[in-house]
Amino acid sequence: MSKNLRRFAPVLAGSLWLVSWAVCNDVHAELVVAADSADANMATEILPCHRYDGLQPQGTTNPAISTCETMSPDLGKFREKSAEHGWLIQGGITLGGTFDLLHHGAHPQLYIGQNPTYRANGYVTTTYDLSRVGFAGASQLVFNANVQRFWYAGENPTGFAINSLYVSQRFNEGRVQLQYGFEELGNQFYGFALGTSSTTSPAGVGSSIPYEVGFIFNKTAPEINLRLASANKHFYERIGVTRSVDPEGAQADWDHNNFLGLKWHIPGAKALFINELGYQVEAAPSQRMMWLRQGVMYNESRFSRFRGGYAGGNYAYYLVGDYQFFQTDAAKPYRGFYVNVKADYAPPDRNVYTGDIGATLYVLGPFGQPDDALALGYTFNRLSRSSQRMQQASGIAAVDYSRNYALSYVYRVARGVYLSNQLSYTANPIQAPKQPEALTWMSSLSLSY
């Protein structure tokens, strides 16, 4: 890990280069003024920082925290001077842990939180306005890298990786968006976060199926995707293709990729295609937020069948919807009561998690706190009976379902500082061997700069 950290600084600097060219309109991306979401008594101090938000990564389903909501909106004069030249640099640190309140410790550990489970992550995101050098439309270069440490190896790999290095171009007032380069494609589809900022992600939507079928996580992969929207920008279709995760799993993908995470080909990992249709309306005065989307994924990689042999591919379907029941603050229309519902499916002969349904009720701005989030969620997971029978034939007690109930609260401690807590009850936390019910507490502290 220390060797990776020593290499982090030169890698970050050396990776900020332009990778392609475009025939151009000499147009600079506009710096958009957003609605002020900070405390009223800070309005005079932080109002200029709103103009930096127009340089934030465009097109992702996980909205970035406003620069006005970072610990130092101007970073002295650094952010202002960078923005004048088309650059925006943001970053953050997250520290967290998950703990079993029923004391079900085990050696070896079998699931997150069974023993005290800690994690740490530091990241930096950089964008550059490519229209300044001749790219057509509102164009960006987006770079993201992180260093992560997981104390439980079964949760995620540990080390350094580049997570994004891509070009995004928007045309026709944003109705056409083209993106190409290296990216975790899951950031562009499905919508795993709740609310208007990445700070609410600990209370977000959870499903293992898109990742089980092939979404990259932790490192990155070559990808291209195209988003087409209707004239009013509400209806859209998004199609993408990327390299699948290694069929042997996230750790194998991490090990087979190179240090930077920019390897073009990994043995056994073939193309992953995805198509998403959706309808999206943002919250506004007298307009409630609604986002409905359904998607189809197809992975060309070979996957082992539980009954023996291999399947020539893998696939999944998902249906997700968010709806704002009512607004609680006319001046901040994003505040209010919402519901998220989701359903996912994957074939049971090659996937452990084969189906799920879930619902989450959440409130943005509860108890008079405009930047907090409260969520109560339920998820039912159907596990593969083919896998269950295979385990039982080997003398291992296995289950074919899991249920989870979760209560989450994301608290804004101060500008750029968020504390998240979640109490979660899970029946059958893993498929095999069968485990008693788990009651876990998760806490994380996020710092954004």
Protein backbone atom coordinates (compact mmCIF):
# COMPACT_ATOMS: atom_id res chain seq x y z
CA MET A 1 0.00 0.00 0.00
CA SER A 2 2.78 2.46 0.91
CA LYS A 3 4.45 1.85 -2.45
CA ASN A 4 1.15 2.65 -4.19
CA LEU A 5 0.78 5.84 -2.17
CA ARG A 6 4.28 6.99 -3.12
CA ARG A 7 3.37 6.53 -6.77
CA PHE A 8 0.03 8.30 -6.46
CA ALA A 9 1.19 11.90 -6.97
CA PRO A 10 3.15 11.42 -10.21
CA VAL A 11 0.43 9.18 -11.62
CA LEU A 12 -2.21 11.83 -10.94
CA ALA A 13 -0.15 14.52 -12.63
CA GLY A 14 0.93 12.40 -15.58
CA SER A 15 -2.55 11.12 -16.36
CA LEU A 16 -4.05 14.53 -17.08
CA TRP A 17 -3.49 14.51 -20.81
CA LEU A 18 -5.77 14.75 -23.81
CA VAL A 19 -6.37 11.44 -25.54
CA SER A 20 -8.13 12.35 -28.76
CA TRP A 21 -9.17 15.20 -31.05
CA ALA A 22 -12.43 16.53 -32.47
CA VAL A 23 -13.44 18.91 -35.23
CA CYS A 24 -14.68 21.85 -33.33
CA ASN A 25 -16.93 24.71 -32.55
CA ASP A 26 -14.88 27.25 -30.58
CA VAL A 27 -17.36 27.30 -27.72
CA HIS A 28 -16.54 27.29 -24.01
CA ALA A 29 -18.77 25.40 -21.55
CA GLU A 30 -20.90 27.76 -19.52
CA LEU A 31 -20.44 28.07 -15.77
CA VAL A 32 -23.94 27.43 -14.47
CA VAL A 33 -25.28 29.22 -11.41
CA ALA A 34 -27.04 26.71 -9.17
CA ALA A 35 -29.54 27.24 -6.40
CA ASP A 36 -27.95 28.05 -3.05
CA SER A 37 -28.24 25.02 -0.74
CA ALA A 38 -26.10 26.29 2.14
CA ASP A 39 -27.04 28.15 5.28
CA ALA A 40 -28.55 31.59 4.70
CA ASN A 41 -25.95 33.32 6.88
CA MET A 42 -23.19 31.97 4.59
CA ALA A 43 -24.80 33.12 1.35
CA THR A 44 -22.58 36.15 0.87
CA GLU A 45 -19.43 34.15 1.59
CA ILE A 46 -20.04 31.19 -0.72
CA LEU A 47 -22.22 32.58 -3.51
CA PRO A 48 -19.29 33.00 -6.00
CA CYS A 49 -18.47 29.31 -5.72
CA HIS A 50 -21.68 28.37 -7.55
CA ARG A 51 -20.07 29.15 -10.88
CA TYR A 52 -17.58 26.30 -10.44
CA ASP A 53 -20.39 23.73 -10.46
CA GLY A 54 -20.74 24.10 -14.23
CA LEU A 55 -17.36 22.35 -14.51
CA GLN A 56 -18.40 19.30 -12.50
CA PRO A 57 -18.55 15.88 -14.24
CA GLN A 58 -21.58 15.80 -16.52
CA GLY A 59 -23.89 12.93 -17.25
CA THR A 60 -23.32 10.68 -14.22
CA THR A 61 -26.26 9.29 -12.24
CA ASN A 62 -24.45 10.04 -8.95
CA PRO A 63 -24.59 13.84 -8.65
CA ALA A 64 -21.46 15.45 -7.23
CA ILE A 65 -21.55 17.58 -4.11
CA SER A 66 -21.65 21.29 -4.93
CA THR A 67 -18.36 23.11 -4.56
CA CYS A 68 -20.27 25.43 -2.25
CA GLU A 69 -20.77 22.47 0.07
CA THR A 70 -17.09 21.56 0.33
CA MET A 71 -15.05 22.46 3.40
CA SER A 72 -13.27 25.25 1.51
CA PRO A 73 -15.30 26.36 -1.51
CA ASP A 74 -12.52 28.52 -2.95
CA LEU A 75 -9.45 26.60 -1.65
CA GLY A 76 -7.90 29.99 -1.10
CA LYS A 77 -7.78 31.39 -4.62
CA PHE A 78 -6.81 28.06 -6.20
CA ARG A 79 -10.29 27.07 -7.39
CA GLU A 80 -10.99 30.49 -8.88
CA LYS A 81 -7.69 30.56 -10.79
CA SER A 82 -8.16 26.95 -11.97
CA ALA A 83 -11.69 27.65 -13.20
CA GLU A 84 -10.45 30.63 -15.21
CA HIS A 85 -8.33 28.15 -17.17
CA GLY A 86 -11.11 25.52 -17.48
CA TRP A 87 -10.06 23.23 -14.63
CA LEU A 88 -11.95 22.00 -11.57
CA ILE A 89 -10.36 19.83 -8.88
CA GLN A 90 -12.38 18.27 -6.07
CA GLY A 91 -11.76 15.40 -3.70
CA GLY A 92 -12.65 13.77 -0.45
CA ILE A 93 -11.95 11.23 2.24
CA THR A 94 -14.36 8.67 3.68
CA LEU A 95 -13.75 6.64 6.83
CA GLY A 96 -16.21 4.03 8.03
CA GLY A 97 -16.94 0.83 9.88
CA THR A 98 -19.64 -1.84 10.23
CA PHE A 99 -20.29 -3.69 13.48
CA ASP A 100 -22.41 -6.72 14.43
CA LEU A 101 -24.58 -5.78 17.42
CA LEU A 102 -25.43 -9.44 18.11
CA HIS A 103 -21.78 -10.48 18.48
CA HIS A 104 -21.71 -13.12 15.74
CA GLY A 105 -17.94 -12.87 15.27
CA ALA A 106 -16.32 -15.65 13.28
CA HIS A 107 -12.89 -16.69 12.04
CA PRO A 108 -12.65 -16.60 9.14
CA GLN A 109 -15.05 -13.71 8.68
CA LEU A 110 -17.89 -14.51 6.25
CA TYR A 111 -19.70 -11.20 5.66
CA ILE A 112 -19.33 -7.45 6.16
CA GLY A 113 -19.71 -6.53 9.81
CA GLN A 114 -19.65 -10.06 11.22
CA ASN A 115 -16.41 -8.95 12.84
CA PRO A 116 -15.72 -5.19 13.15
CA THR A 117 -15.13 -4.16 9.54
CA TYR A 118 -13.32 -0.92 8.71
CA ARG A 119 -12.72 0.90 5.43
CA ALA A 120 -11.05 4.08 4.22
CA ASN A 121 -11.09 5.83 0.85
CA GLY A 122 -9.46 8.95 -0.51
CA TYR A 123 -10.21 10.27 -3.99
CA VAL A 124 -9.55 13.18 -6.32
CA THR A 125 -11.67 14.23 -9.32
CA THR A 126 -10.44 16.61 -12.01
CA THR A 127 -12.28 18.00 -15.04
CA TYR A 128 -11.10 20.18 -17.92
CA ASP A 129 -13.23 22.18 -20.37
CA LEU A 130 -12.18 20.64 -23.70
CA SER A 131 -14.08 23.21 -25.75
CA ARG A 132 -11.13 25.50 -24.98
CA VAL A 133 -8.91 23.33 -27.18
CA GLY A 134 -11.37 22.78 -30.02
CA PHE A 135 -13.67 19.94 -29.01
CA ALA A 136 -17.21 20.23 -30.31
CA GLY A 137 -20.12 20.98 -28.03
CA ALA A 138 -19.91 21.25 -24.25
CA SER A 139 -16.98 18.89 -23.78
CA GLN A 140 -15.05 17.69 -20.76
CA LEU A 141 -12.11 15.54 -19.85
CA VAL A 142 -12.92 13.73 -16.59
CA PHE A 143 -10.30 12.10 -14.39
CA ASN A 144 -10.87 10.32 -11.08
CA ALA A 145 -8.49 8.27 -8.96
CA ASN A 146 -8.64 6.84 -5.47
CA VAL A 147 -6.74 4.94 -2.82
CA GLN A 148 -8.86 2.52 -0.82
CA ARG A 149 -8.25 0.25 2.14
CA PHE A 150 -10.63 -2.51 3.28
CA TRP A 151 -9.87 -4.45 6.45
CA TYR A 152 -12.15 -7.33 5.36
CA ALA A 153 -10.79 -8.67 2.08
CA GLY A 154 -14.19 -10.07 1.09
CA GLU A 155 -15.68 -6.57 0.90
CA ASN A 156 -13.43 -5.05 -1.78
CA PRO A 157 -9.81 -5.07 -2.96
CA THR A 158 -7.28 -2.71 -1.39
CA GLY A 159 -4.95 -0.39 -3.29
CA PHE A 160 -4.78 2.45 -5.82
CA ALA A 161 -6.78 2.75 -9.02
CA ILE A 162 -7.85 5.19 -11.68
CA ASN A 163 -11.66 5.04 -11.79
CA SER A 164 -12.31 7.47 -14.65
CA LEU A 165 -10.40 8.87 -17.61
CA TYR A 166 -12.90 9.79 -20.31
CA VAL A 167 -14.21 12.47 -22.61
CA SER A 168 -17.84 13.62 -22.43
CA GLN A 169 -19.44 15.74 -25.15
CA ARG A 170 -22.93 17.25 -25.18
CA PHE A 171 -24.75 18.61 -28.23
CA ASN A 172 -28.16 20.13 -29.01
CA GLU A 173 -28.54 21.77 -25.60
CA GLY A 174 -27.67 18.54 -23.82
CA ARG A 175 -30.14 16.31 -25.66
CA VAL A 176 -27.28 14.29 -27.15
CA GLN A 177 -24.43 13.15 -24.96
CA LEU A 178 -21.48 11.03 -26.09
CA GLN A 179 -18.94 9.60 -23.68
CA TYR A 180 -15.85 7.52 -24.40
CA GLY A 181 -12.71 6.44 -22.56
CA PHE A 182 -12.23 4.47 -19.33
CA GLU A 183 -15.00 4.49 -16.71
CA GLU A 184 -17.04 2.40 -14.28
CA LEU A 185 -20.16 2.16 -16.45
CA GLY A 186 -22.34 1.71 -13.37
CA ASN A 187 -21.86 5.44 -12.73
CA GLN A 188 -23.80 6.18 -15.93
CA PHE A 189 -26.73 3.74 -15.55
CA TYR A 190 -29.27 2.44 -13.00
CA GLY A 191 -28.93 5.25 -10.42
CA PHE A 192 -27.65 3.82 -7.15
CA ALA A 193 -27.73 7.06 -5.12
CA LEU A 194 -30.74 8.69 -3.49
CA GLY A 195 -31.33 12.40 -3.67
CA THR A 196 -29.47 15.34 -5.14
CA SER A 197 -25.92 14.70 -3.95
CA SER A 198 -23.40 11.91 -3.55
CA THR A 199 -23.43 12.64 0.18
CA THR A 200 -26.68 10.65 0.48
CA SER A 201 -25.18 7.54 -1.15
CA PRO A 202 -24.89 5.56 2.13
CA ALA A 203 -28.69 5.50 2.12
CA GLY A 204 -28.84 4.60 -1.56
CA VAL A 205 -30.30 1.84 -3.69
CA GLY A 206 -28.63 -1.56 -3.35
CA SER A 207 -28.56 -4.45 -5.78
CA SER A 208 -25.86 -7.05 -6.35
CA ILE A 209 -27.25 -8.19 -9.69
CA PRO A 210 -25.85 -5.54 -12.09
CA TYR A 211 -22.38 -6.13 -10.63
CA GLU A 212 -22.78 -9.90 -10.57
CA VAL A 213 -23.65 -9.82 -14.28
CA GLY A 214 -20.70 -7.64 -15.21
CA PHE A 215 -20.52 -4.03 -14.00
CA ILE A 216 -16.97 -2.98 -13.17
CA PHE A 217 -16.38 -1.73 -9.63
CA ASN A 218 -13.20 -0.42 -7.97
CA LYS A 219 -11.14 -0.10 -11.17
CA THR A 220 -12.20 0.92 -14.66
CA ALA A 221 -12.65 -0.44 -18.17
CA PRO A 222 -12.82 0.91 -21.73
CA GLU A 223 -16.34 2.05 -22.56
CA ILE A 224 -18.45 4.16 -24.88
CA ASN A 225 -22.04 5.24 -24.28
CA LEU A 226 -24.56 7.48 -26.00
CA ARG A 227 -27.54 9.22 -24.39
CA LEU A 228 -30.38 10.61 -26.53
CA ALA A 229 -33.14 12.72 -24.98
CA SER A 230 -36.45 14.05 -26.26
CA ALA A 231 -37.05 17.72 -27.01
CA ASN A 232 -38.22 18.37 -23.44
CA LYS A 233 -35.32 16.22 -22.12
CA HIS A 234 -37.69 14.07 -20.05
CA PHE A 235 -37.64 10.87 -22.13
CA TYR A 236 -34.25 9.37 -22.90
CA GLU A 237 -32.50 6.29 -24.21
CA ARG A 238 -28.97 5.41 -23.21
CA ILE A 239 -26.87 2.63 -24.75
CA GLY A 240 -23.37 1.60 -23.76
CA VAL A 241 -20.71 -1.03 -24.23
CA THR A 242 -17.76 -1.78 -21.96
CA ARG A 243 -15.47 -4.60 -20.97
CA SER A 244 -17.09 -6.92 -18.46
CA VAL A 245 -15.68 -7.51 -15.02
CA ASP A 246 -13.63 -10.71 -14.79
CA PRO A 247 -16.19 -13.57 -14.52
CA GLU A 248 -14.21 -14.84 -11.51
CA GLY A 249 -15.18 -11.74 -9.55
CA ALA A 250 -14.01 -8.31 -8.37
CA GLN A 251 -10.78 -9.49 -6.73
CA ALA A 252 -9.75 -11.41 -9.85
CA ASP A 253 -10.54 -8.36 -11.99
CA TRP A 254 -8.39 -6.21 -9.70
CA ASP A 255 -5.50 -8.70 -9.78
CA HIS A 256 -5.59 -9.15 -13.57
CA ASN A 257 -5.76 -5.43 -14.29
CA ASN A 258 -2.61 -3.30 -14.20
CA PHE A 259 -1.62 -0.87 -11.45
CA LEU A 260 -3.42 2.05 -13.10
CA GLY A 261 -6.59 0.08 -13.86
CA LEU A 262 -6.36 1.01 -17.55
CA LYS A 263 -5.84 -2.43 -19.06
CA TRP A 264 -7.77 -2.83 -22.31
CA HIS A 265 -8.19 -6.61 -22.22
CA ILE A 266 -8.48 -9.14 -19.41
CA PRO A 267 -8.59 -12.88 -20.29
CA GLY A 268 -12.16 -14.20 -20.08
CA ALA A 269 -13.74 -10.74 -19.75
CA LYS A 270 -15.62 -9.90 -22.96
CA ALA A 271 -18.02 -7.16 -24.01
CA LEU A 272 -20.90 -6.03 -21.81
CA PHE A 273 -23.83 -4.24 -23.49
CA ILE A 274 -26.51 -2.20 -21.74
CA ASN A 275 -29.59 -0.31 -22.89
CA GLU A 276 -31.63 1.91 -20.58
CA LEU A 277 -34.94 3.67 -21.33
CA GLY A 278 -36.14 6.30 -18.90
CA TYR A 279 -38.32 9.25 -18.03
CA GLN A 280 -36.85 11.93 -15.75
CA VAL A 281 -38.22 15.16 -14.29
CA GLU A 282 -36.17 17.24 -11.85
CA ALA A 283 -37.71 18.81 -8.76
CA ALA A 284 -38.69 22.45 -9.33
CA PRO A 285 -41.28 24.86 -7.91
CA SER A 286 -44.70 23.24 -8.51
CA GLN A 287 -42.96 20.26 -10.17
CA ARG A 288 -42.24 17.03 -8.30
CA MET A 289 -39.25 14.87 -9.08
CA MET A 290 -39.85 11.62 -11.00
CA TRP A 291 -37.33 9.20 -12.48
CA LEU A 292 -38.42 5.91 -14.03
CA ARG A 293 -35.88 3.68 -15.82
CA GLN A 294 -35.66 0.14 -17.08
CA GLY A 295 -32.60 -1.56 -18.46
CA VAL A 296 -31.30 -4.69 -20.13
CA MET A 297 -27.73 -5.96 -19.75
CA TYR A 298 -26.00 -8.64 -21.79
CA ASN A 299 -22.52 -10.01 -21.10
CA GLU A 300 -20.67 -12.05 -23.77
CA SER A 301 -18.29 -13.65 -21.25
CA ARG A 302 -18.51 -17.33 -20.30
CA PHE A 303 -19.98 -18.05 -16.87
CA SER A 304 -19.88 -21.35 -14.99
CA ARG A 305 -23.21 -23.12 -14.57
CA PHE A 306 -23.98 -24.54 -11.13
CA ARG A 307 -25.00 -27.87 -12.67
CA GLY A 308 -21.76 -28.10 -14.65
CA GLY A 309 -20.43 -26.68 -17.87
CA TYR A 310 -20.51 -23.09 -19.04
CA ALA A 311 -23.08 -20.61 -20.26
CA GLY A 312 -22.12 -18.65 -23.36
CA GLY A 313 -23.13 -15.34 -21.74
CA ASN A 314 -25.06 -13.69 -18.94
CA TYR A 315 -27.86 -11.14 -18.74
CA ALA A 316 -30.00 -9.09 -16.38
CA TYR A 317 -33.09 -6.89 -16.33
CA TYR A 318 -33.80 -4.01 -13.97
CA LEU A 319 -36.69 -1.67 -13.28
CA VAL A 320 -36.16 1.28 -10.93
CA GLY A 321 -38.31 4.26 -10.06
CA ASP A 322 -38.12 7.35 -7.82
CA TYR A 323 -41.05 9.65 -7.12
CA GLN A 324 -41.44 12.72 -4.92
CA PHE A 325 -44.75 12.51 -3.06
CA PHE A 326 -44.71 16.14 -1.96
CA GLN A 327 -42.37 19.06 -1.35
CA THR A 328 -41.71 20.58 2.06
CA ASP A 329 -39.92 23.79 1.09
CA ALA A 330 -41.01 26.01 -1.81
CA ALA A 331 -37.60 27.72 -1.89
CA LYS A 332 -35.76 24.37 -2.05
CA PRO A 333 -38.04 22.10 -4.12
CA TYR A 334 -35.75 19.06 -3.79
CA ARG A 335 -36.75 18.84 -0.14
CA GLY A 336 -39.62 16.45 0.48
CA PHE A 337 -40.82 12.86 0.82
CA TYR A 338 -39.86 10.28 -1.80
CA VAL A 339 -40.15 6.61 -2.59
CA ASN A 340 -37.75 4.40 -4.53
CA VAL A 341 -38.83 0.99 -5.82
CA LYS A 342 -36.73 -1.52 -7.75
CA ALA A 343 -36.77 -5.02 -9.19
CA ASP A 344 -33.88 -6.96 -10.74
CA TYR A 345 -33.54 -10.36 -12.40
CA ALA A 346 -30.69 -12.59 -13.59
CA PRO A 347 -30.78 -16.29 -14.64
CA PRO A 348 -30.45 -18.67 -11.64
CA ASP A 349 -28.29 -21.31 -13.34
CA ARG A 350 -25.18 -19.04 -13.31
CA ASN A 351 -25.85 -16.30 -10.71
CA VAL A 352 -26.06 -16.65 -6.93
CA TYR A 353 -28.31 -13.58 -6.65
CA THR A 354 -31.05 -14.17 -9.19
CA GLY A 355 -33.76 -11.67 -8.32
CA ASP A 356 -34.65 -8.89 -5.90
CA ILE A 357 -37.41 -6.44 -5.12
CA GLY A 358 -37.19 -3.49 -2.79
CA ALA A 359 -38.72 -0.23 -1.63
CA THR A 360 -37.19 2.73 0.17
CA LEU A 361 -39.04 5.66 1.69
CA TYR A 362 -36.74 8.64 2.07
CA VAL A 363 -36.88 12.27 3.11
CA LEU A 364 -34.53 14.96 1.84
CA GLY A 365 -34.27 17.78 4.34
CA PRO A 366 -35.94 16.14 7.37
CA PHE A 367 -36.43 17.88 10.74
CA GLY A 368 -35.69 21.28 9.26
CA GLN A 369 -32.19 20.19 8.14
CA PRO A 370 -32.05 20.96 4.38
CA ASP A 371 -28.93 18.90 3.66
CA ASP A 372 -29.75 15.78 5.71
CA ALA A 373 -31.38 12.59 4.44
CA LEU A 374 -33.49 9.97 6.22
CA ALA A 375 -34.29 6.59 4.61
CA LEU A 376 -36.15 3.42 5.54
CA GLY A 377 -35.68 0.52 3.14
CA TYR A 378 -36.65 -3.11 2.57
CA THR A 379 -35.11 -5.56 0.11
CA PHE A 380 -35.95 -9.19 -0.62
CA ASN A 381 -33.26 -11.16 -2.47
CA ARG A 382 -34.00 -14.44 -4.24
CA LEU A 383 -30.92 -16.66 -4.26
CA SER A 384 -30.30 -19.38 -6.80
CA ARG A 385 -31.86 -22.73 -5.92
CA SER A 386 -29.46 -24.41 -8.34
CA SER A 387 -26.59 -23.03 -6.31
CA GLN A 388 -28.35 -24.03 -3.09
CA ARG A 389 -28.74 -27.63 -4.25
CA MET A 390 -25.09 -27.75 -5.31
CA GLN A 391 -24.01 -26.57 -1.85
CA GLN A 392 -26.31 -29.02 -0.08
CA ALA A 393 -24.97 -31.91 -2.17
CA SER A 394 -21.56 -31.04 -0.71
CA GLY A 395 -22.96 -31.13 2.83
CA ILE A 396 -23.14 -27.34 3.28
CA ALA A 397 -26.31 -25.77 4.67
CA ALA A 398 -27.50 -23.15 2.17
CA VAL A 399 -30.49 -20.82 1.80
CA ASP A 400 -32.46 -19.55 -1.18
CA TYR A 401 -33.51 -16.07 0.03
CA SER A 402 -32.37 -13.09 2.06
CA ARG A 403 -34.32 -10.20 3.59
CA ASN A 404 -32.93 -6.85 4.68
CA TYR A 405 -34.44 -3.93 6.59
CA ALA A 406 -32.39 -0.73 6.91
CA LEU A 407 -32.83 2.61 8.65
CA SER A 408 -30.35 5.29 7.57
CA TYR A 409 -29.62 8.91 8.44
CA VAL A 410 -27.12 11.20 6.74
CA TYR A 411 -26.30 14.21 8.93
CA ARG A 412 -24.57 17.38 7.73
CA VAL A 413 -22.10 18.14 10.54
CA ALA A 414 -20.69 21.20 8.83
CA ARG A 415 -20.00 22.42 5.32
CA GLY A 416 -18.28 19.51 3.55
CA VAL A 417 -18.55 17.17 6.54
CA TYR A 418 -21.23 14.45 6.62
CA LEU A 419 -21.84 11.68 9.15
CA SER A 420 -23.86 8.66 8.00
CA ASN A 421 -25.35 5.98 10.22
CA GLN A 422 -27.34 2.90 9.25
CA LEU A 423 -28.99 0.18 11.33
CA SER A 424 -29.59 -2.94 9.26
CA TYR A 425 -31.32 -6.25 10.05
CA THR A 426 -30.67 -9.13 7.66
CA ALA A 427 -32.15 -12.62 7.59
CA ASN A 428 -29.68 -14.99 5.90
CA PRO A 429 -26.78 -12.56 5.37
CA ILE A 430 -24.97 -15.03 3.07
CA GLN A 431 -26.10 -17.97 0.98
CA ALA A 432 -23.84 -20.62 2.52
CA PRO A 433 -23.13 -21.76 5.10
CA LYS A 434 -26.40 -20.67 6.72
CA GLN A 435 -25.88 -17.96 9.33
CA PRO A 436 -28.10 -16.54 12.09
CA GLU A 437 -29.81 -13.20 11.54
CA ALA A 438 -27.46 -10.22 11.54
CA LEU A 439 -28.07 -6.84 13.16
CA THR A 440 -25.37 -4.45 12.04
CA TRP A 441 -24.51 -0.80 12.61
CA MET A 442 -22.66 1.11 9.90
CA SER A 443 -21.11 4.53 10.42
CA SER A 444 -19.07 6.63 8.00
CA LEU A 445 -17.60 10.11 8.02
CA SER A 446 -17.16 11.92 4.69
CA LEU A 447 -14.99 14.99 4.16
CA SER A 448 -15.21 16.88 0.86
CA TYR A 449 -12.82 19.55 -0.36
